[in-house]
Protein backbone atom coordinates (compact mmCIF):
# COMPACT_ATOMS: atom_id res chain seq x y z
CA UNK A 1 126.80 -35.82 49.61
CA UNK A 2 124.92 -37.95 47.15
CA UNK A 3 123.47 -40.59 49.48
CA UNK A 4 121.61 -42.23 46.62
CA UNK A 5 124.90 -42.69 44.79
CA UNK A 6 126.47 -44.53 47.69
CA UNK A 7 123.38 -46.69 48.18
CA UNK A 8 123.36 -47.65 44.53
CA UNK A 9 127.07 -48.14 44.00
CA UNK A 10 127.81 -49.80 47.30
CA UNK A 11 128.37 -53.54 47.78
CA UNK A 12 125.84 -55.33 45.66
CA UNK A 13 123.79 -58.02 47.44
CA UNK A 14 122.77 -60.86 45.21
CA UNK A 15 119.45 -62.15 46.49
CA UNK A 16 118.70 -64.36 43.54
CA UNK A 17 119.90 -67.51 45.30
CA UNK A 18 118.18 -66.81 48.63
CA UNK A 19 114.49 -67.50 48.67
CA UNK A 20 111.93 -69.88 50.11
CA UNK A 21 113.61 -72.80 48.34
CA UNK A 22 116.76 -72.19 50.40
CA UNK A 23 114.90 -72.43 53.74
CA UNK A 24 115.46 -76.02 54.83
CA UNK A 25 113.19 -77.91 57.19
CA UNK A 26 114.92 -80.94 58.68
CA UNK A 27 112.51 -83.77 59.38
CA UNK A 28 112.59 -86.48 62.06
CA UNK A 29 116.14 -87.18 63.20
CA UNK A 30 117.84 -85.29 60.38
CA UNK A 31 118.84 -82.40 62.71
CA UNK A 32 120.83 -84.82 64.85
CA UNK A 33 122.83 -86.17 61.95
CA UNK A 34 123.31 -82.65 60.58
CA UNK A 35 124.60 -81.19 63.87
CA UNK A 36 125.48 -84.09 66.22
CA UNK A 37 127.58 -81.87 68.47
CA UNK A 38 124.44 -80.04 69.61
CA UNK A 39 123.13 -83.28 71.09
CA UNK A 40 126.18 -85.23 72.30
CA UNK A 41 128.79 -82.50 72.63
CA UNK A 42 131.29 -83.81 70.08
CA UNK A 43 131.95 -86.57 67.56
CA UNK A 44 135.20 -87.74 69.17
CA UNK A 45 135.64 -90.45 71.80
CA UNK A 46 133.71 -88.37 74.37
CA UNK A 47 130.65 -88.13 72.15
CA UNK A 48 130.95 -91.80 71.25
CA UNK A 49 130.80 -92.80 74.90
CA UNK A 50 127.85 -90.49 75.41
CA UNK A 51 125.85 -92.84 73.18
CA UNK A 52 126.49 -95.79 75.48
CA UNK A 53 125.79 -93.69 78.57
CA UNK A 54 122.39 -92.57 77.23
CA UNK A 55 121.21 -96.16 76.74
CA UNK A 56 122.73 -97.38 80.02
CA UNK A 57 121.02 -94.57 81.92
CA UNK A 58 117.64 -95.54 80.50
CA UNK A 59 118.13 -98.87 82.25
CA UNK A 60 119.37 -97.16 85.41
CA UNK A 61 116.20 -95.04 85.42
CA UNK A 62 114.19 -98.25 85.51
CA UNK A 63 116.06 -99.19 88.68
CA UNK A 64 115.53 -95.76 90.22
CA UNK A 65 111.83 -96.23 89.49
CA UNK A 66 111.97 -99.47 91.50
CA UNK A 67 111.78 -102.06 88.71
CA UNK A 68 115.14 -103.15 87.28
CA UNK A 69 117.64 -105.09 89.41
CA UNK A 70 120.21 -105.87 86.70
CA UNK A 71 121.87 -104.12 83.77
CA UNK A 72 123.96 -106.11 81.28
CA UNK A 73 126.38 -104.32 78.94
CA UNK A 74 128.19 -106.15 76.12
CA UNK A 75 130.78 -104.72 73.73
CA UNK A 76 130.99 -107.02 70.72
CA UNK A 77 134.02 -107.60 68.53
CA UNK A 78 132.65 -105.23 65.87
CA UNK A 79 132.32 -102.43 68.48
CA UNK A 80 128.56 -102.73 68.57
CA UNK A 81 127.06 -102.41 72.04
CA UNK A 82 124.18 -104.28 73.64
CA UNK A 83 122.49 -102.98 76.79
CA UNK A 84 119.85 -105.13 78.49
CA UNK A 85 117.83 -104.66 81.67
CA UNK A 86 115.11 -106.50 83.54
CA UNK A 87 112.84 -103.49 83.95
CA UNK A 88 109.29 -103.04 82.69
CA UNK A 89 110.16 -102.82 79.00
CA UNK A 90 109.49 -99.81 76.78
CA UNK A 91 105.74 -99.53 76.05
CA UNK A 92 104.79 -100.89 72.63
CA UNK A 93 101.08 -100.11 72.53
CA UNK A 94 99.74 -97.66 69.97
CA UNK A 95 100.44 -94.00 70.69
CA UNK A 96 97.78 -91.39 69.92
CA UNK A 97 99.78 -90.21 66.86
CA UNK A 98 99.20 -93.61 65.23
CA UNK A 99 102.57 -95.28 65.86
CA UNK A 100 103.83 -97.74 68.45
CA UNK A 101 105.10 -96.00 71.59
CA UNK A 102 108.40 -97.80 71.03
CA UNK A 103 108.82 -96.27 67.58
CA UNK A 104 107.85 -92.84 68.90
CA UNK A 105 110.49 -93.04 71.65
CA UNK A 106 113.21 -94.24 69.30
CA UNK A 107 112.57 -92.01 66.29
CA UNK A 108 111.09 -88.74 67.55
CA UNK A 109 112.95 -86.05 69.46
CA UNK A 110 111.50 -84.82 72.74
CA UNK A 111 109.38 -87.89 73.30
CA UNK A 112 109.40 -90.20 76.30
CA UNK A 113 108.01 -90.88 79.75
CA UNK A 114 110.23 -88.54 81.77
CA UNK A 115 108.69 -85.14 81.23
CA UNK A 116 106.54 -85.54 84.34
CA UNK A 117 106.97 -87.54 87.54
CA UNK A 118 104.26 -90.14 86.94
CA UNK A 119 106.29 -92.85 85.22
CA UNK A 120 109.67 -91.80 86.65
CA UNK A 121 109.90 -89.83 89.89
CA UNK A 122 113.70 -89.65 89.52
CA UNK A 123 115.48 -90.03 86.21
CA UNK A 124 118.63 -89.07 84.36
CA UNK A 125 117.00 -88.99 80.92
CA UNK A 126 115.16 -85.69 81.00
CA UNK A 127 114.90 -84.15 77.55
CA UNK A 128 113.33 -87.02 75.63
CA UNK A 129 116.12 -87.09 73.05
CA UNK A 130 118.60 -89.66 74.39
CA UNK A 131 117.53 -92.91 72.76
CA UNK A 132 116.42 -91.19 69.57
CA UNK A 133 119.78 -89.41 69.27
CA UNK A 134 121.66 -92.68 69.71
CA UNK A 135 119.46 -94.18 67.02
CA UNK A 136 120.10 -91.28 64.65
CA UNK A 137 123.88 -91.58 65.08
CA UNK A 138 123.99 -95.36 64.67
CA UNK A 139 124.36 -97.13 61.37
CA UNK A 140 122.17 -99.89 62.83
CA UNK A 141 120.02 -100.30 65.92
CA UNK A 142 117.73 -103.03 67.15
CA UNK A 143 115.42 -102.81 70.16
CA UNK A 144 113.85 -105.91 71.65
CA UNK A 145 111.18 -105.46 74.31
CA UNK A 146 109.86 -108.18 76.59
CA UNK A 147 106.50 -106.98 77.83
CA UNK A 148 102.98 -108.30 78.38
CA UNK A 149 104.09 -111.87 77.64
CA UNK A 150 105.39 -110.98 74.18
CA UNK A 151 108.74 -110.27 72.51
CA UNK A 152 108.51 -107.09 70.44
CA UNK A 153 111.18 -106.01 67.95
CA UNK A 154 111.99 -103.07 65.72
CA UNK A 155 115.15 -102.40 63.69
CA UNK A 156 116.54 -99.11 62.38
CA UNK A 157 119.24 -97.81 60.06
CA UNK A 158 120.53 -94.30 60.72
CA UNK A 159 117.41 -93.66 62.75
CA UNK A 160 114.89 -94.88 60.19
CA UNK A 161 112.62 -97.84 61.03
CA UNK A 162 113.03 -100.78 58.68
CA UNK A 163 109.60 -102.19 59.54
CA UNK A 164 106.78 -101.71 62.01
CA UNK A 165 107.10 -102.90 65.59
CA UNK A 166 106.12 -106.57 65.59
CA UNK A 167 105.75 -109.48 67.99
CA UNK A 168 108.20 -112.29 67.29
CA UNK A 169 107.41 -114.70 70.11
CA UNK A 170 106.45 -115.31 73.70
CA UNK A 171 108.22 -113.94 76.79
CA UNK A 172 108.02 -114.97 80.42
CA UNK A 173 110.05 -112.00 81.66
CA UNK A 174 110.19 -108.22 81.15
CA UNK A 175 112.90 -105.82 80.06
CA UNK A 176 114.50 -103.98 77.15
CA UNK A 177 117.51 -104.97 75.05
CA UNK A 178 119.11 -102.35 72.80
CA UNK A 179 121.90 -103.07 70.32
CA UNK A 180 123.51 -100.30 68.29
CA UNK A 181 126.48 -99.77 65.99
CA UNK A 182 127.88 -96.21 66.05
CA UNK A 183 127.99 -94.68 62.57
CA UNK A 184 131.58 -94.42 61.32
CA UNK A 185 130.44 -91.61 59.02
CA UNK A 186 129.74 -89.51 62.12
CA UNK A 187 132.45 -90.42 64.63
CA UNK A 188 136.20 -90.08 64.31
CA UNK A 189 136.48 -93.47 66.01
CA UNK A 190 133.89 -96.11 66.84
CA UNK A 191 136.14 -98.08 69.20
CA UNK A 192 134.80 -97.80 72.74
CA UNK A 193 137.39 -97.49 75.48
CA UNK A 194 137.28 -100.42 77.87
CA UNK A 195 138.23 -98.44 80.99
CA UNK A 196 135.82 -95.57 80.27
CA UNK A 197 132.87 -97.95 80.29
CA UNK A 198 134.13 -99.63 83.46
CA UNK A 199 134.26 -96.22 85.16
CA UNK A 200 130.73 -95.39 83.97
CA UNK A 201 129.30 -98.63 85.32
CA UNK A 202 131.24 -98.57 88.58
CA UNK A 203 130.07 -95.02 89.32
CA UNK A 204 126.47 -95.97 88.80
CA UNK A 205 126.82 -99.08 90.95
CA UNK A 206 127.96 -96.86 93.81
CA UNK A 207 125.21 -94.31 93.18
CA UNK A 208 122.39 -96.86 92.99
CA UNK A 209 122.96 -99.36 95.82
CA UNK A 210 121.30 -102.68 95.07
CA UNK A 211 121.62 -102.47 91.28
CA UNK A 212 123.85 -105.11 89.69
CA UNK A 213 125.92 -104.26 86.61
CA UNK A 214 127.37 -106.99 84.41
CA UNK A 215 129.96 -105.91 81.84
CA UNK A 216 131.32 -108.13 79.07
CA UNK A 217 133.97 -106.96 76.62
CA UNK A 218 134.18 -109.59 73.92
CA UNK A 219 137.10 -107.79 72.26
CA UNK A 220 139.43 -108.69 75.13
CA UNK A 221 137.41 -111.60 76.52
CA UNK A 222 136.90 -110.05 79.97
CA UNK A 223 133.93 -109.63 82.23
CA UNK A 224 133.24 -107.53 85.31
CA UNK A 225 130.40 -107.38 87.82
CA UNK A 226 129.68 -104.36 90.00
CA UNK A 227 127.46 -104.19 93.06
CA UNK A 228 127.93 -101.94 96.08
CA UNK A 229 125.57 -101.56 99.01
CA UNK A 230 127.65 -98.85 100.72
CA UNK A 231 126.59 -96.11 98.34
CA UNK A 232 128.69 -92.99 97.89
CA UNK A 233 130.57 -93.63 101.15
CA UNK A 234 132.07 -96.67 99.46
CA UNK A 235 132.83 -94.52 96.42
CA UNK A 236 134.79 -92.00 98.52
CA UNK A 237 136.75 -94.85 100.12
CA UNK A 238 137.48 -96.20 96.65
CA UNK A 239 138.70 -92.78 95.50
CA UNK A 240 140.99 -92.57 98.55
CA UNK A 241 142.21 -96.17 98.38
CA UNK A 242 145.82 -95.22 97.59
CA UNK A 243 145.97 -92.25 99.98
CA UNK A 244 146.56 -91.79 103.70
CA UNK A 245 143.21 -90.73 105.09
CA UNK A 246 142.83 -88.54 108.17
CA UNK A 247 139.43 -89.70 109.44
CA UNK A 248 136.52 -92.04 108.63
CA UNK A 249 134.18 -90.84 105.86
CA UNK A 250 131.49 -88.37 106.86
CA UNK A 251 128.10 -89.19 105.34
CA UNK A 252 125.23 -86.71 105.06
CA UNK A 253 121.76 -87.56 103.79
CA UNK A 254 118.51 -85.63 103.95
CA UNK A 255 115.50 -84.86 101.78
CA UNK A 256 114.06 -81.35 101.64
CA UNK A 257 111.17 -80.19 99.45
CA UNK A 258 111.50 -83.19 97.15
CA UNK A 259 115.27 -82.79 96.79
CA UNK A 260 117.38 -85.63 98.18
CA UNK A 261 120.89 -84.56 99.22
CA UNK A 262 123.58 -87.20 99.73
CA UNK A 263 127.15 -86.17 100.52
CA UNK A 264 130.19 -88.21 101.54
CA UNK A 265 133.53 -86.60 102.32
CA UNK A 266 136.92 -87.56 103.68
CA UNK A 267 140.21 -85.71 103.96
CA UNK A 268 143.60 -87.21 103.18
CA UNK A 269 147.12 -85.91 103.75
CA UNK A 270 147.56 -84.77 100.16
CA UNK A 271 147.03 -81.38 98.54
CA UNK A 272 144.75 -82.31 95.65
CA UNK A 273 140.96 -81.92 95.73
CA UNK A 274 139.02 -84.86 94.30
CA UNK A 275 135.38 -83.90 93.99
CA UNK A 276 132.65 -85.67 92.04
CA UNK A 277 129.10 -84.42 91.67
CA UNK A 278 126.01 -86.17 90.33
CA UNK A 279 122.36 -85.44 89.66
CA UNK A 280 120.10 -88.48 89.31
CA UNK A 281 123.27 -90.57 88.66
CA UNK A 282 124.38 -88.21 85.86
CA UNK A 283 127.99 -87.11 86.36
CA UNK A 284 127.88 -83.29 86.30
CA UNK A 285 131.49 -82.83 85.24
CA UNK A 286 131.12 -79.05 85.09
CA UNK A 287 129.51 -78.83 88.53
CA UNK A 288 126.61 -76.52 89.10
CA UNK A 289 124.50 -75.13 91.91
CA UNK A 290 124.70 -78.32 94.04
CA UNK A 291 128.51 -78.15 94.01
CA UNK A 292 128.54 -74.43 94.76
CA UNK A 293 126.22 -75.04 97.71
CA UNK A 294 128.40 -77.84 99.08
CA UNK A 295 131.61 -75.82 98.93
CA UNK A 296 129.95 -72.83 100.57
CA UNK A 297 128.49 -74.92 103.40
CA UNK A 298 131.75 -76.78 104.03
CA UNK A 299 133.74 -73.55 104.36
CA UNK A 300 131.16 -71.92 106.61
CA UNK A 301 130.79 -74.96 108.88
CA UNK A 302 134.51 -75.38 109.44
CA UNK A 303 135.04 -71.66 110.03
CA UNK A 304 132.14 -71.49 112.49
CA UNK A 305 133.43 -74.45 114.48
CA UNK A 306 137.03 -73.22 114.40
CA UNK A 307 135.84 -69.89 115.77
CA UNK A 308 133.72 -71.60 118.43
CA UNK A 309 136.66 -73.58 119.83
CA UNK A 310 138.94 -70.56 119.68
CA UNK A 311 141.14 -71.71 116.81
CA UNK A 312 140.46 -68.51 114.90
CA UNK A 313 139.61 -65.18 116.52
CA UNK A 314 138.09 -63.01 113.79
CA UNK A 315 136.75 -63.06 110.24
CA UNK A 316 140.15 -61.94 109.02
CA UNK A 317 141.53 -65.31 110.17
CA UNK A 318 138.89 -67.36 108.34
CA UNK A 319 139.89 -70.34 106.30
CA UNK A 320 139.35 -69.79 102.58
CA UNK A 321 137.73 -72.07 100.04
CA UNK A 322 141.18 -73.00 98.78
CA UNK A 323 142.12 -74.10 102.31
CA UNK A 324 139.08 -76.35 102.40
CA UNK A 325 139.97 -78.06 99.14
CA UNK A 326 143.42 -79.31 100.07
CA UNK A 327 143.24 -83.07 100.53
CA UNK A 328 139.44 -83.16 100.20
CA UNK A 329 137.76 -86.13 98.60
CA UNK A 330 133.99 -85.79 98.30
CA UNK A 331 130.95 -86.94 96.38
CA UNK A 332 127.78 -84.85 96.12
CA UNK A 333 124.70 -86.63 94.76
CA UNK A 334 121.37 -84.88 94.26
CA UNK A 335 118.17 -86.71 93.38
CA UNK A 336 115.03 -84.86 92.37
CA UNK A 337 112.02 -85.17 90.09
CA UNK A 338 113.04 -85.37 86.46
CA UNK A 339 110.61 -82.68 85.39
CA UNK A 340 112.23 -80.25 87.85
CA UNK A 341 115.87 -80.70 86.85
CA UNK A 342 117.42 -77.95 84.73
CA UNK A 343 120.67 -78.99 83.11
CA UNK A 344 122.71 -76.54 81.07
CA UNK A 345 122.83 -78.35 77.72
CA UNK A 346 121.78 -81.76 76.47
CA UNK A 347 125.00 -83.43 77.65
CA UNK A 348 123.93 -82.57 81.23
CA UNK A 349 127.36 -81.41 82.36
CA UNK A 350 126.16 -78.67 84.72
CA UNK A 351 123.16 -78.24 87.02
CA UNK A 352 121.37 -74.91 86.79
CA UNK A 353 118.59 -75.12 89.42
CA UNK A 354 119.02 -72.07 91.67
CA UNK A 355 116.87 -73.54 94.45
CA UNK A 356 119.18 -76.54 94.84
CA UNK A 357 122.06 -74.39 96.07
CA UNK A 358 120.23 -73.14 99.16
CA UNK A 359 118.92 -76.63 99.96
CA UNK A 360 122.42 -78.11 99.81
CA UNK A 361 123.87 -75.25 101.87
CA UNK A 362 121.29 -75.72 104.65
CA UNK A 363 121.52 -79.52 104.75
CA UNK A 364 125.31 -79.76 104.66
CA UNK A 365 125.85 -76.87 107.10
CA UNK A 366 123.38 -78.28 109.64
CA UNK A 367 124.71 -81.84 109.42
CA UNK A 368 128.36 -80.77 109.64
CA UNK A 369 127.62 -78.56 112.67
CA UNK A 370 126.12 -81.59 114.40
CA UNK A 371 128.98 -83.84 113.33
CA UNK A 372 131.62 -81.49 114.71
CA UNK A 373 129.79 -81.22 118.02
CA UNK A 374 129.50 -84.99 118.38
CA UNK A 375 133.03 -85.76 117.19
């Protein structure tokens, strides 16, 4: 066989148009605009709402750090969104790279104060891309910071600063106000859904007792205010409000090795499982190790107690996980240092920390054992 013949006459590869000039290097926020799905999951209504959630959660992080008491969210008639808080305000002093810290945070990926636990012991913004991604995917953004007695402002278009950060007046308060207009060139729709934002704010009001949320939708001329001091127990009661419950909510709370575990659960007479899980107020819609740990502990605790009181005789009679889920309404909320959290993906839909599972199993199992004995 003439191998040379086949090598020569085989499919010809034209390399003329593939050289160094074809190797692209995307600068600044260009990667976000080029592949937005990598950062916000999609460019449909879900991705659109992720923009608002990123900015809202920056304000929530200020509350978790012990500074902000209020978060104001306005949807304007042109579908622009303004989020304001009364926290410390984003730093505006000069960063070591020669730009204002505000500009660095808003225009550079993987920048921010949440990579270690000094500025934020607990936070939902973990990768340092949230605010910058929102900026990149907005046709216009303006950030106003009240800090150190001054009002500081910077404006952007598609992620690019229009001028340096500058002081425009005096301030006798502190906080950050962010206004952005989603880019219609990126999203299939830029119309935020009223009820989706209400759900986002209500969830966070339950998860952060003592934080007030004020929501104004100028498009329909409505306003809402959320504040709950009952925490996730109140959230479970809200989720079960139209159902016939079988017992008062069971609340579990304990901190182990820097991981705070809060669980509330209540059974109703239905057949559907309603289970919500959160990490540092982020809704982990795809679950993760904290949810796996909770389900395992719940099944084990109920089986152990059923065996103890003689309801089941052997392992063959054990209740299954499916048995446990019928009529269960529960909320699992984990809080831990931001630099320790490992989410699977930028949209933070699933928790990956292996060590969290064993912590949740031990806490929930121990607390449920005690609860069954006392009740």
